[in-house]
Protein backbone atom coordinates (compact mmCIF):
# COMPACT_ATOMS: atom_id res chain seq x y z
CA UNK A 1 0.00 0.00 0.00
CA UNK A 2 2.83 2.37 0.84
CA UNK A 3 4.51 1.54 -2.47
CA UNK A 4 1.27 2.42 -4.28
CA UNK A 5 1.01 5.73 -2.44
CA UNK A 6 4.64 6.73 -2.89
CA UNK A 7 4.53 5.75 -6.56
CA UNK A 8 1.25 7.58 -7.04
CA UNK A 9 2.48 10.71 -5.27
CA UNK A 10 5.44 10.79 -7.63
CA UNK A 11 3.47 9.82 -10.74
CA UNK A 12 0.89 12.62 -10.44
CA UNK A 13 3.71 15.13 -11.05
CA UNK A 14 4.96 13.42 -14.21
CA UNK A 15 4.04 15.24 -17.40
CA UNK A 16 2.82 12.06 -19.11
CA UNK A 17 0.51 11.16 -16.20
CA UNK A 18 -0.78 14.72 -15.91
CA UNK A 19 -1.52 14.71 -19.62
CA UNK A 20 -3.30 11.35 -19.41
CA UNK A 21 -5.41 12.54 -16.46
CA UNK A 22 -6.43 15.61 -18.41
CA UNK A 23 -7.21 13.67 -21.58
CA UNK A 24 -9.55 11.31 -19.71
CA UNK A 25 -11.38 14.16 -17.97
CA UNK A 26 -11.71 15.96 -21.30
CA UNK A 27 -13.24 12.82 -22.81
CA UNK A 28 -15.76 12.59 -19.99
CA UNK A 29 -16.63 16.25 -20.53
CA UNK A 30 -17.49 15.50 -24.18
CA UNK A 31 -19.84 12.69 -23.06
CA UNK A 32 -22.06 14.89 -20.93
CA UNK A 33 -25.82 14.68 -21.24
CA UNK A 34 -28.67 15.42 -18.86
CA UNK A 35 -29.42 11.72 -18.40
CA UNK A 36 -25.78 10.87 -17.65
CA UNK A 37 -25.46 13.85 -15.31
CA UNK A 38 -28.38 12.60 -13.23
CA UNK A 39 -27.34 8.96 -13.38
CA UNK A 40 -23.77 9.49 -12.20
CA UNK A 41 -24.86 12.00 -9.55
CA UNK A 42 -27.03 9.26 -8.01
CA UNK A 43 -24.44 6.51 -8.50
CA UNK A 44 -21.81 8.59 -6.75
CA UNK A 45 -23.84 8.47 -3.54
CA UNK A 46 -23.21 4.70 -3.37
CA UNK A 47 -19.62 5.49 -2.35
CA UNK A 48 -20.53 8.06 0.30
CA UNK A 49 -19.79 7.39 3.95
CA UNK A 50 -23.20 8.90 4.74
CA UNK A 51 -24.74 5.83 3.08
CA UNK A 52 -22.18 3.11 3.75
CA UNK A 53 -21.21 3.78 7.37
CA UNK A 54 -24.76 3.39 8.80
CA UNK A 55 -25.17 0.16 6.82
CA UNK A 56 -21.90 -1.21 8.18
CA UNK A 57 -22.65 -0.22 11.77
CA UNK A 58 -26.10 -1.81 11.56
CA UNK A 59 -24.56 -5.03 10.23
CA UNK A 60 -21.89 -4.94 12.93
CA UNK A 61 -24.58 -4.70 15.62
CA UNK A 62 -26.43 -7.69 14.14
CA UNK A 63 -23.22 -9.72 13.89
CA UNK A 64 -22.34 -8.85 17.48
CA UNK A 65 -25.78 -9.92 18.71
CA UNK A 66 -25.25 -13.22 16.90
CA UNK A 67 -21.85 -13.51 18.65
CA UNK A 68 -19.89 -13.09 15.38
CA UNK A 69 -17.78 -10.42 17.05
CA UNK A 70 -14.65 -11.01 14.99
CA UNK A 71 -16.60 -10.60 11.75
CA UNK A 72 -18.17 -7.40 13.08
CA UNK A 73 -14.76 -5.99 13.97
CA UNK A 74 -13.41 -6.95 10.56
CA UNK A 75 -16.29 -5.23 8.77
CA UNK A 76 -15.94 -2.00 10.75
CA UNK A 77 -12.14 -2.11 10.67
CA UNK A 78 -12.09 -2.56 6.90
CA UNK A 79 -14.18 0.53 6.25
CA UNK A 80 -13.05 2.84 9.04
CA UNK A 81 -9.38 1.87 8.72
CA UNK A 82 -9.27 2.38 4.95
CA UNK A 83 -11.15 5.69 5.24
CA UNK A 84 -8.88 6.97 8.01
CA UNK A 85 -5.72 6.09 6.10
CA UNK A 86 -7.14 7.72 2.99
CA UNK A 87 -7.82 10.98 4.83
CA UNK A 88 -4.30 11.00 6.25
CA UNK A 89 -2.82 10.45 2.78
CA UNK A 90 -4.95 13.28 1.40
CA UNK A 91 -3.45 15.71 3.90
CA UNK A 92 0.09 14.51 3.28
CA UNK A 93 -0.07 14.58 -0.54
CA UNK A 94 -2.38 17.64 -0.73
CA UNK A 95 -3.30 17.42 -4.41
CA UNK A 96 -5.81 20.09 -5.53
CA UNK A 97 -9.04 18.94 -7.16
CA UNK A 98 -9.51 19.14 -10.95
CA UNK A 99 -10.37 22.55 -12.37
CA UNK A 100 -10.42 21.81 -16.10
CA UNK A 101 -14.21 21.86 -16.36
CA UNK A 102 -17.04 22.95 -14.04
CA UNK A 103 -17.85 20.19 -11.55
CA UNK A 104 -21.32 18.71 -11.85
CA UNK A 105 -21.67 18.53 -8.07
CA UNK A 106 -20.42 20.58 -5.16
CA UNK A 107 -16.71 20.03 -4.73
CA UNK A 108 -16.14 18.13 -1.48
CA UNK A 109 -13.95 19.71 1.15
CA UNK A 110 -10.39 18.49 1.22
CA UNK A 111 -7.86 17.35 -1.32
CA UNK A 112 -8.17 15.10 -4.34
CA UNK A 113 -5.67 12.23 -4.03
CA UNK A 114 -6.73 9.51 -3.27
CA UNK A 115 -10.48 9.37 -3.91
CA UNK A 116 -12.49 8.79 -0.72
CA UNK A 117 -15.47 7.40 -2.65
CA UNK A 118 -13.25 4.88 -4.44
CA UNK A 119 -11.70 3.80 -1.13
CA UNK A 120 -15.03 3.53 0.65
CA UNK A 121 -17.00 1.58 -1.95
CA UNK A 122 -14.09 -0.80 -2.57
CA UNK A 123 -13.50 -1.45 1.14
CA UNK A 124 -17.21 -1.97 1.72
CA UNK A 125 -17.70 -4.37 -1.19
CA UNK A 126 -14.58 -6.45 -0.56
CA UNK A 127 -15.28 -6.81 3.17
CA UNK A 128 -18.85 -7.87 2.44
CA UNK A 129 -17.74 -10.42 -0.14
CA UNK A 130 -15.18 -11.93 2.22
CA UNK A 131 -17.84 -12.40 4.88
CA UNK A 132 -20.54 -13.66 2.50
CA UNK A 133 -18.53 -16.23 0.56
CA UNK A 134 -19.09 -19.00 3.13
CA UNK A 135 -22.88 -18.78 3.10
CA UNK A 136 -23.36 -18.10 -0.62
CA UNK A 137 -23.54 -20.80 -3.29
CA UNK A 138 -20.87 -20.75 -6.00
CA UNK A 139 -23.23 -19.60 -8.75
CA UNK A 140 -24.70 -16.79 -6.66
CA UNK A 141 -21.26 -15.83 -5.41
CA UNK A 142 -20.05 -15.40 -9.00
CA UNK A 143 -23.08 -13.23 -9.80
CA UNK A 144 -22.52 -11.23 -6.63
CA UNK A 145 -18.92 -10.61 -7.64
CA UNK A 146 -19.99 -9.34 -11.05
CA UNK A 147 -22.57 -6.96 -9.61
CA UNK A 148 -20.21 -5.75 -6.89
CA UNK A 149 -17.39 -5.19 -9.37
CA UNK A 150 -19.76 -3.22 -11.56
CA UNK A 151 -20.80 -1.06 -8.62
CA UNK A 152 -17.17 -0.24 -7.76
CA UNK A 153 -16.49 0.63 -11.40
CA UNK A 154 -19.55 2.86 -11.70
CA UNK A 155 -18.74 4.79 -8.52
CA UNK A 156 -15.15 5.32 -9.68
CA UNK A 157 -16.35 6.48 -13.11
CA UNK A 158 -18.89 8.81 -11.50
CA UNK A 159 -16.16 10.70 -9.63
CA UNK A 160 -14.34 11.38 -12.91
CA UNK A 161 -17.52 12.14 -14.85
CA UNK A 162 -18.57 14.67 -12.21
CA UNK A 163 -15.09 16.28 -12.52
CA UNK A 164 -14.29 16.02 -8.82
CA UNK A 165 -11.39 13.56 -9.16
CA UNK A 166 -8.59 12.72 -11.57
CA UNK A 167 -8.34 9.12 -12.86
CA UNK A 168 -5.18 8.56 -10.80
CA UNK A 169 -7.15 9.53 -7.68
CA UNK A 170 -9.68 6.75 -8.14
CA UNK A 171 -7.07 4.15 -9.14
CA UNK A 172 -5.06 4.92 -6.00
CA UNK A 173 -8.22 4.81 -3.88
CA UNK A 174 -9.17 1.40 -5.25
CA UNK A 175 -5.69 -0.04 -4.62
CA UNK A 176 -5.47 1.36 -1.08
CA UNK A 177 -8.76 -0.28 -0.12
CA UNK A 178 -7.79 -3.52 -1.87
CA UNK A 179 -4.51 -3.88 0.04
CA UNK A 180 -5.99 -2.73 3.34
CA UNK A 181 -8.98 -5.11 3.32
CA UNK A 182 -7.02 -8.16 2.22
CA UNK A 183 -4.26 -7.34 4.71
CA UNK A 184 -6.81 -7.06 7.51
CA UNK A 185 -8.49 -10.28 6.37
CA UNK A 186 -5.15 -12.07 6.67
CA UNK A 187 -4.95 -11.04 10.31
CA UNK A 188 -8.59 -11.35 11.39
CA UNK A 189 -10.51 -13.89 9.31
CA UNK A 190 -10.29 -17.68 9.58
CA UNK A 191 -8.31 -19.41 6.85
CA UNK A 192 -11.41 -21.10 5.41
CA UNK A 193 -12.94 -17.68 4.64
CA UNK A 194 -9.92 -16.68 2.59
CA UNK A 195 -9.49 -20.06 0.91
CA UNK A 196 -13.16 -20.14 -0.02
CA UNK A 197 -13.05 -16.61 -1.41
CA UNK A 198 -9.93 -16.99 -3.55
CA UNK A 199 -10.87 -20.53 -4.57
CA UNK A 200 -14.16 -19.33 -6.00
CA UNK A 201 -12.52 -16.39 -7.74
CA UNK A 202 -10.18 -18.80 -9.52
CA UNK A 203 -13.04 -20.90 -10.90
C-alpha atoms as a PDB file:
ATOM      1  CA  UNK A   1       0.000   0.000   0.000  1.00  0.00           C
ATOM      2  CA  UNK A   2       2.830   2.373   0.837  1.00  0.00           C
ATOM      3  CA  UNK A   3       4.510   1.538  -2.469  1.00  0.00           C
ATOM      4  CA  UNK A   4       1.270   2.419  -4.280  1.00  0.00           C
ATOM      5  CA  UNK A   5       1.014   5.734  -2.435  1.00  0.00           C
ATOM      6  CA  UNK A   6       4.642   6.732  -2.888  1.00  0.00           C
ATOM      7  CA  UNK A   7       4.534   5.751  -6.564  1.00  0.00           C
ATOM      8  CA  UNK A   8       1.248   7.581  -7.042  1.00  0.00           C
ATOM      9  CA  UNK A   9       2.475  10.715  -5.265  1.00  0.00           C
ATOM     10  CA  UNK A  10       5.439  10.791  -7.628  1.00  0.00           C
ATOM     11  CA  UNK A  11       3.467   9.825 -10.737  1.00  0.00           C
ATOM     12  CA  UNK A  12       0.895  12.625 -10.443  1.00  0.00           C
ATOM     13  CA  UNK A  13       3.706  15.128 -11.051  1.00  0.00           C
ATOM     14  CA  UNK A  14       4.963  13.420 -14.211  1.00  0.00           C
ATOM     15  CA  UNK A  15       4.036  15.239 -17.401  1.00  0.00           C
ATOM     16  CA  UNK A  16       2.820  12.061 -19.111  1.00  0.00           C
ATOM     17  CA  UNK A  17       0.510  11.155 -16.198  1.00  0.00           C
ATOM     18  CA  UNK A  18      -0.780  14.723 -15.911  1.00  0.00           C
ATOM     19  CA  UNK A  19      -1.519  14.708 -19.625  1.00  0.00           C
ATOM     20  CA  UNK A  20      -3.305  11.351 -19.413  1.00  0.00           C
ATOM     21  CA  UNK A  21      -5.407  12.537 -16.462  1.00  0.00           C
ATOM     22  CA  UNK A  22      -6.428  15.613 -18.413  1.00  0.00           C
ATOM     23  CA  UNK A  23      -7.213  13.665 -21.576  1.00  0.00           C
ATOM     24  CA  UNK A  24      -9.550  11.311 -19.713  1.00  0.00           C
ATOM     25  CA  UNK A  25     -11.377  14.164 -17.973  1.00  0.00           C
ATOM     26  CA  UNK A  26     -11.706  15.961 -21.303  1.00  0.00           C
ATOM     27  CA  UNK A  27     -13.237  12.822 -22.812  1.00  0.00           C
ATOM     28  CA  UNK A  28     -15.763  12.593 -19.986  1.00  0.00           C
ATOM     29  CA  UNK A  29     -16.634  16.253 -20.529  1.00  0.00           C
ATOM     30  CA  UNK A  30     -17.494  15.504 -24.175  1.00  0.00           C
ATOM     31  CA  UNK A  31     -19.839  12.687 -23.061  1.00  0.00           C
ATOM     32  CA  UNK A  32     -22.058  14.886 -20.933  1.00  0.00           C
ATOM     33  CA  UNK A  33     -25.818  14.679 -21.238  1.00  0.00           C
ATOM     34  CA  UNK A  34     -28.666  15.415 -18.859  1.00  0.00           C
ATOM     35  CA  UNK A  35     -29.424  11.716 -18.404  1.00  0.00           C
ATOM     36  CA  UNK A  36     -25.780  10.873 -17.652  1.00  0.00           C
ATOM     37  CA  UNK A  37     -25.462  13.849 -15.314  1.00  0.00           C
ATOM     38  CA  UNK A  38     -28.380  12.603 -13.230  1.00  0.00           C
ATOM     39  CA  UNK A  39     -27.337   8.956 -13.385  1.00  0.00           C
ATOM     40  CA  UNK A  40     -23.772   9.493 -12.198  1.00  0.00           C
ATOM     41  CA  UNK A  41     -24.864  11.999  -9.554  1.00  0.00           C
ATOM     42  CA  UNK A  42     -27.034   9.262  -8.013  1.00  0.00           C
ATOM     43  CA  UNK A  43     -24.440   6.510  -8.503  1.00  0.00           C
ATOM     44  CA  UNK A  44     -21.813   8.591  -6.745  1.00  0.00           C
ATOM     45  CA  UNK A  45     -23.844   8.467  -3.542  1.00  0.00           C
ATOM     46  CA  UNK A  46     -23.211   4.704  -3.366  1.00  0.00           C
ATOM     47  CA  UNK A  47     -19.621   5.492  -2.346  1.00  0.00           C
ATOM     48  CA  UNK A  48     -20.531   8.061   0.296  1.00  0.00           C
ATOM     49  CA  UNK A  49     -19.793   7.387   3.954  1.00  0.00           C
ATOM     50  CA  UNK A  50     -23.203   8.897   4.735  1.00  0.00           C
ATOM     51  CA  UNK A  51     -24.739   5.827   3.076  1.00  0.00           C
ATOM     52  CA  UNK A  52     -22.176   3.106   3.755  1.00  0.00           C
ATOM     53  CA  UNK A  53     -21.214   3.776   7.370  1.00  0.00           C
ATOM     54  CA  UNK A  54     -24.756   3.391   8.803  1.00  0.00           C
ATOM     55  CA  UNK A  55     -25.169   0.162   6.816  1.00  0.00           C
ATOM     56  CA  UNK A  56     -21.897  -1.211   8.179  1.00  0.00           C
ATOM     57  CA  UNK A  57     -22.655  -0.218  11.768  1.00  0.00           C
ATOM     58  CA  UNK A  58     -26.101  -1.814  11.561  1.00  0.00           C
ATOM     59  CA  UNK A  59     -24.559  -5.029  10.231  1.00  0.00           C
ATOM     60  CA  UNK A  60     -21.891  -4.936  12.929  1.00  0.00           C
ATOM     61  CA  UNK A  61     -24.579  -4.704  15.625  1.00  0.00           C
ATOM     62  CA  UNK A  62     -26.427  -7.687  14.137  1.00  0.00           C
ATOM     63  CA  UNK A  63     -23.216  -9.719  13.891  1.00  0.00           C
ATOM     64  CA  UNK A  64     -22.337  -8.854  17.481  1.00  0.00           C
ATOM     65  CA  UNK A  65     -25.778  -9.921  18.713  1.00  0.00           C
ATOM     66  CA  UNK A  66     -25.255 -13.221  16.900  1.00  0.00           C
ATOM     67  CA  UNK A  67     -21.855 -13.512  18.647  1.00  0.00           C
ATOM     68  CA  UNK A  68     -19.892 -13.093  15.384  1.00  0.00           C
ATOM     69  CA  UNK A  69     -17.784 -10.418  17.052  1.00  0.00           C
ATOM     70  CA  UNK A  70     -14.650 -11.006  14.985  1.00  0.00           C
ATOM     71  CA  UNK A  71     -16.597 -10.603  11.745  1.00  0.00           C
ATOM     72  CA  UNK A  72     -18.169  -7.404  13.084  1.00  0.00           C
ATOM     73  CA  UNK A  73     -14.758  -5.991  13.974  1.00  0.00           C
ATOM     74  CA  UNK A  74     -13.413  -6.949  10.557  1.00  0.00           C
ATOM     75  CA  UNK A  75     -16.290  -5.229   8.766  1.00  0.00           C
ATOM     76  CA  UNK A  76     -15.939  -1.996  10.747  1.00  0.00           C
ATOM     77  CA  UNK A  77     -12.142  -2.113  10.671  1.00  0.00           C
ATOM     78  CA  UNK A  78     -12.089  -2.559   6.900  1.00  0.00           C
ATOM     79  CA  UNK A  79     -14.176   0.530   6.247  1.00  0.00           C
ATOM     80  CA  UNK A  80     -13.047   2.839   9.043  1.00  0.00           C
ATOM     81  CA  UNK A  81      -9.380   1.866   8.719  1.00  0.00           C
ATOM     82  CA  UNK A  82      -9.274   2.383   4.952  1.00  0.00           C
ATOM     83  CA  UNK A  83     -11.153   5.693   5.237  1.00  0.00           C
ATOM     84  CA  UNK A  84      -8.876   6.967   8.008  1.00  0.00           C
ATOM     85  CA  UNK A  85      -5.715   6.088   6.103  1.00  0.00           C
ATOM     86  CA  UNK A  86      -7.138   7.720   2.994  1.00  0.00           C
ATOM     87  CA  UNK A  87      -7.816  10.980   4.828  1.00  0.00           C
ATOM     88  CA  UNK A  88      -4.298  11.001   6.247  1.00  0.00           C
ATOM     89  CA  UNK A  89      -2.819  10.446   2.784  1.00  0.00           C
ATOM     90  CA  UNK A  90      -4.952  13.283   1.399  1.00  0.00           C
ATOM     91  CA  UNK A  91      -3.453  15.707   3.895  1.00  0.00           C
ATOM     92  CA  UNK A  92       0.095  14.510   3.275  1.00  0.00           C
ATOM     93  CA  UNK A  93      -0.068  14.581  -0.540  1.00  0.00           C
ATOM     94  CA  UNK A  94      -2.376  17.645  -0.729  1.00  0.00           C
ATOM     95  CA  UNK A  95      -3.304  17.422  -4.410  1.00  0.00           C
ATOM     96  CA  UNK A  96      -5.814  20.089  -5.531  1.00  0.00           C
ATOM     97  CA  UNK A  97      -9.036  18.936  -7.155  1.00  0.00           C
ATOM     98  CA  UNK A  98      -9.507  19.136 -10.950  1.00  0.00           C
ATOM     99  CA  UNK A  99     -10.370  22.552 -12.366  1.00  0.00           C
ATOM    100  CA  UNK A 100     -10.424  21.811 -16.102  1.00  0.00           C
ATOM    101  CA  UNK A 101     -14.214  21.859 -16.360  1.00  0.00           C
ATOM    102  CA  UNK A 102     -17.041  22.948 -14.044  1.00  0.00           C
ATOM    103  CA  UNK A 103     -17.845  20.193 -11.549  1.00  0.00           C
ATOM    104  CA  UNK A 104     -21.320  18.707 -11.848  1.00  0.00           C
ATOM    105  CA  UNK A 105     -21.669  18.527  -8.072  1.00  0.00           C
ATOM    106  CA  UNK A 106     -20.425  20.584  -5.163  1.00  0.00           C
ATOM    107  CA  UNK A 107     -16.711  20.026  -4.733  1.00  0.00           C
ATOM    108  CA  UNK A 108     -16.144  18.129  -1.477  1.00  0.00           C
ATOM    109  CA  UNK A 109     -13.951  19.709   1.148  1.00  0.00           C
ATOM    110  CA  UNK A 110     -10.386  18.495   1.224  1.00  0.00           C
ATOM    111  CA  UNK A 111      -7.862  17.350  -1.322  1.00  0.00           C
ATOM    112  CA  UNK A 112      -8.169  15.101  -4.340  1.00  0.00           C
ATOM    113  CA  UNK A 113      -5.666  12.233  -4.030  1.00  0.00           C
ATOM    114  CA  UNK A 114      -6.730   9.508  -3.274  1.00  0.00           C
ATOM    115  CA  UNK A 115     -10.484   9.370  -3.907  1.00  0.00           C
ATOM    116  CA  UNK A 116     -12.493   8.787  -0.719  1.00  0.00           C
ATOM    117  CA  UNK A 117     -15.473   7.405  -2.646  1.00  0.00           C
ATOM    118  CA  UNK A 118     -13.252   4.881  -4.441  1.00  0.00           C
ATOM    119  CA  UNK A 119     -11.698   3.803  -1.133  1.00  0.00           C
ATOM    120  CA  UNK A 120     -15.027   3.533   0.654  1.00  0.00           C
ATOM    121  CA  UNK A 121     -17.004   1.577  -1.947  1.00  0.00           C
ATOM    122  CA  UNK A 122     -14.087  -0.798  -2.566  1.00  0.00           C
ATOM    123  CA  UNK A 123     -13.496  -1.453   1.137  1.00  0.00           C
ATOM    124  CA  UNK A 124     -17.214  -1.975   1.723  1.00  0.00           C
ATOM    125  CA  UNK A 125     -17.699  -4.370  -1.192  1.00  0.00           C
ATOM    126  CA  UNK A 126     -14.581  -6.453  -0.560  1.00  0.00           C
ATOM    127  CA  UNK A 127     -15.280  -6.806   3.167  1.00  0.00           C
ATOM    128  CA  UNK A 128     -18.854  -7.869   2.444  1.00  0.00           C
ATOM    129  CA  UNK A 129     -17.737 -10.424  -0.143  1.00  0.00           C
ATOM    130  CA  UNK A 130     -15.175 -11.929   2.216  1.00  0.00           C
ATOM    131  CA  UNK A 131     -17.837 -12.403   4.875  1.00  0.00           C
ATOM    132  CA  UNK A 132     -20.536 -13.662   2.502  1.00  0.00           C
ATOM    133  CA  UNK A 133     -18.532 -16.232   0.561  1.00  0.00           C
ATOM    134  CA  UNK A 134     -19.087 -18.996   3.134  1.00  0.00           C
ATOM    135  CA  UNK A 135     -22.884 -18.783   3.102  1.00  0.00           C
ATOM    136  CA  UNK A 136     -23.356 -18.099  -0.621  1.00  0.00           C
ATOM    137  CA  UNK A 137     -23.537 -20.797  -3.290  1.00  0.00           C
ATOM    138  CA  UNK A 138     -20.866 -20.745  -6.000  1.00  0.00           C
ATOM    139  CA  UNK A 139     -23.231 -19.605  -8.750  1.00  0.00           C
ATOM    140  CA  UNK A 140     -24.702 -16.788  -6.661  1.00  0.00           C
ATOM    141  CA  UNK A 141     -21.259 -15.825  -5.409  1.00  0.00           C
ATOM    142  CA  UNK A 142     -20.055 -15.397  -8.997  1.00  0.00           C
ATOM    143  CA  UNK A 143     -23.079 -13.225  -9.805  1.00  0.00           C
ATOM    144  CA  UNK A 144     -22.524 -11.226  -6.630  1.00  0.00           C
ATOM    145  CA  UNK A 145     -18.921 -10.613  -7.637  1.00  0.00           C
ATOM    146  CA  UNK A 146     -19.987  -9.339 -11.053  1.00  0.00           C
ATOM    147  CA  UNK A 147     -22.574  -6.964  -9.605  1.00  0.00           C
ATOM    148  CA  UNK A 148     -20.209  -5.754  -6.886  1.00  0.00           C
ATOM    149  CA  UNK A 149     -17.388  -5.192  -9.370  1.00  0.00           C
ATOM    150  CA  UNK A 150     -19.764  -3.222 -11.564  1.00  0.00           C
ATOM    151  CA  UNK A 151     -20.798  -1.060  -8.617  1.00  0.00           C
ATOM    152  CA  UNK A 152     -17.175  -0.240  -7.762  1.00  0.00           C
ATOM    153  CA  UNK A 153     -16.488   0.625 -11.397  1.00  0.00           C
ATOM    154  CA  UNK A 154     -19.550   2.858 -11.698  1.00  0.00           C
ATOM    155  CA  UNK A 155     -18.736   4.786  -8.518  1.00  0.00           C
ATOM    156  CA  UNK A 156     -15.153   5.319  -9.681  1.00  0.00           C
ATOM    157  CA  UNK A 157     -16.352   6.484 -13.112  1.00  0.00           C
ATOM    158  CA  UNK A 158     -18.889   8.806 -11.496  1.00  0.00           C
ATOM    159  CA  UNK A 159     -16.163  10.703  -9.634  1.00  0.00           C
ATOM    160  CA  UNK A 160     -14.341  11.381 -12.906  1.00  0.00           C
ATOM    161  CA  UNK A 161     -17.516  12.139 -14.852  1.00  0.00           C
ATOM    162  CA  UNK A 162     -18.570  14.670 -12.209  1.00  0.00           C
ATOM    163  CA  UNK A 163     -15.093  16.282 -12.523  1.00  0.00           C
ATOM    164  CA  UNK A 164     -14.295  16.018  -8.818  1.00  0.00           C
ATOM    165  CA  UNK A 165     -11.385  13.555  -9.164  1.00  0.00           C
ATOM    166  CA  UNK A 166      -8.592  12.719 -11.570  1.00  0.00           C
ATOM    167  CA  UNK A 167      -8.343   9.123 -12.856  1.00  0.00           C
ATOM    168  CA  UNK A 168      -5.182   8.565 -10.797  1.00  0.00           C
ATOM    169  CA  UNK A 169      -7.150   9.527  -7.679  1.00  0.00           C
ATOM    170  CA  UNK A 170      -9.685   6.750  -8.143  1.00  0.00           C
ATOM    171  CA  UNK A 171      -7.068   4.152  -9.138  1.00  0.00           C
ATOM    172  CA  UNK A 172      -5.056   4.921  -6.004  1.00  0.00           C
ATOM    173  CA  UNK A 173      -8.218   4.811  -3.881  1.00  0.00           C
ATOM    174  CA  UNK A 174      -9.165   1.401  -5.250  1.00  0.00           C
ATOM    175  CA  UNK A 175      -5.691  -0.036  -4.617  1.00  0.00           C
ATOM    176  CA  UNK A 176      -5.467   1.363  -1.082  1.00  0.00           C
ATOM    177  CA  UNK A 177      -8.761  -0.285  -0.123  1.00  0.00           C
ATOM    178  CA  UNK A 178      -7.785  -3.520  -1.869  1.00  0.00           C
ATOM    179  CA  UNK A 179      -4.511  -3.883   0.037  1.00  0.00           C
ATOM    180  CA  UNK A 180      -5.989  -2.735   3.344  1.00  0.00           C
ATOM    181  CA  UNK A 181      -8.983  -5.107   3.316  1.00  0.00           C
ATOM    182  CA  UNK A 182      -7.019  -8.163   2.222  1.00  0.00           C
ATOM    183  CA  UNK A 183      -4.260  -7.345   4.714  1.00  0.00           C
ATOM    184  CA  UNK A 184      -6.809  -7.064   7.511  1.00  0.00           C
ATOM    185  CA  UNK A 185      -8.488 -10.276   6.374  1.00  0.00           C
ATOM    186  CA  UNK A 186      -5.153 -12.074   6.666  1.00  0.00           C
ATOM    187  CA  UNK A 187      -4.949 -11.040  10.313  1.00  0.00           C
ATOM    188  CA  UNK A 188      -8.587 -11.347  11.391  1.00  0.00           C
ATOM    189  CA  UNK A 189     -10.510 -13.888   9.307  1.00  0.00           C
ATOM    190  CA  UNK A 190     -10.290 -17.678   9.578  1.00  0.00           C
ATOM    191  CA  UNK A 191      -8.314 -19.408   6.845  1.00  0.00           C
ATOM    192  CA  UNK A 192     -11.405 -21.098   5.408  1.00  0.00           C
ATOM    193  CA  UNK A 193     -12.937 -17.682   4.644  1.00  0.00           C
ATOM    194  CA  UNK A 194      -9.919 -16.679   2.586  1.00  0.00           C
ATOM    195  CA  UNK A 195      -9.488 -20.064   0.908  1.00  0.00           C
ATOM    196  CA  UNK A 196     -13.158 -20.138  -0.024  1.00  0.00           C
ATOM    197  CA  UNK A 197     -13.050 -16.608  -1.410  1.00  0.00           C
ATOM    198  CA  UNK A 198      -9.933 -16.993  -3.549  1.00  0.00           C
ATOM    199  CA  UNK A 199     -10.866 -20.530  -4.568  1.00  0.00           C
ATOM    200  CA  UNK A 200     -14.161 -19.330  -5.997  1.00  0.00           C
ATOM    201  CA  UNK A 201     -12.522 -16.394  -7.744  1.00  0.00           C
ATOM    202  CA  UNK A 202     -10.177 -18.801  -9.517  1.00  0.00           C
ATOM    203  CA  UNK A 203     -13.036 -20.903 -10.905  1.00  0.00           C
END
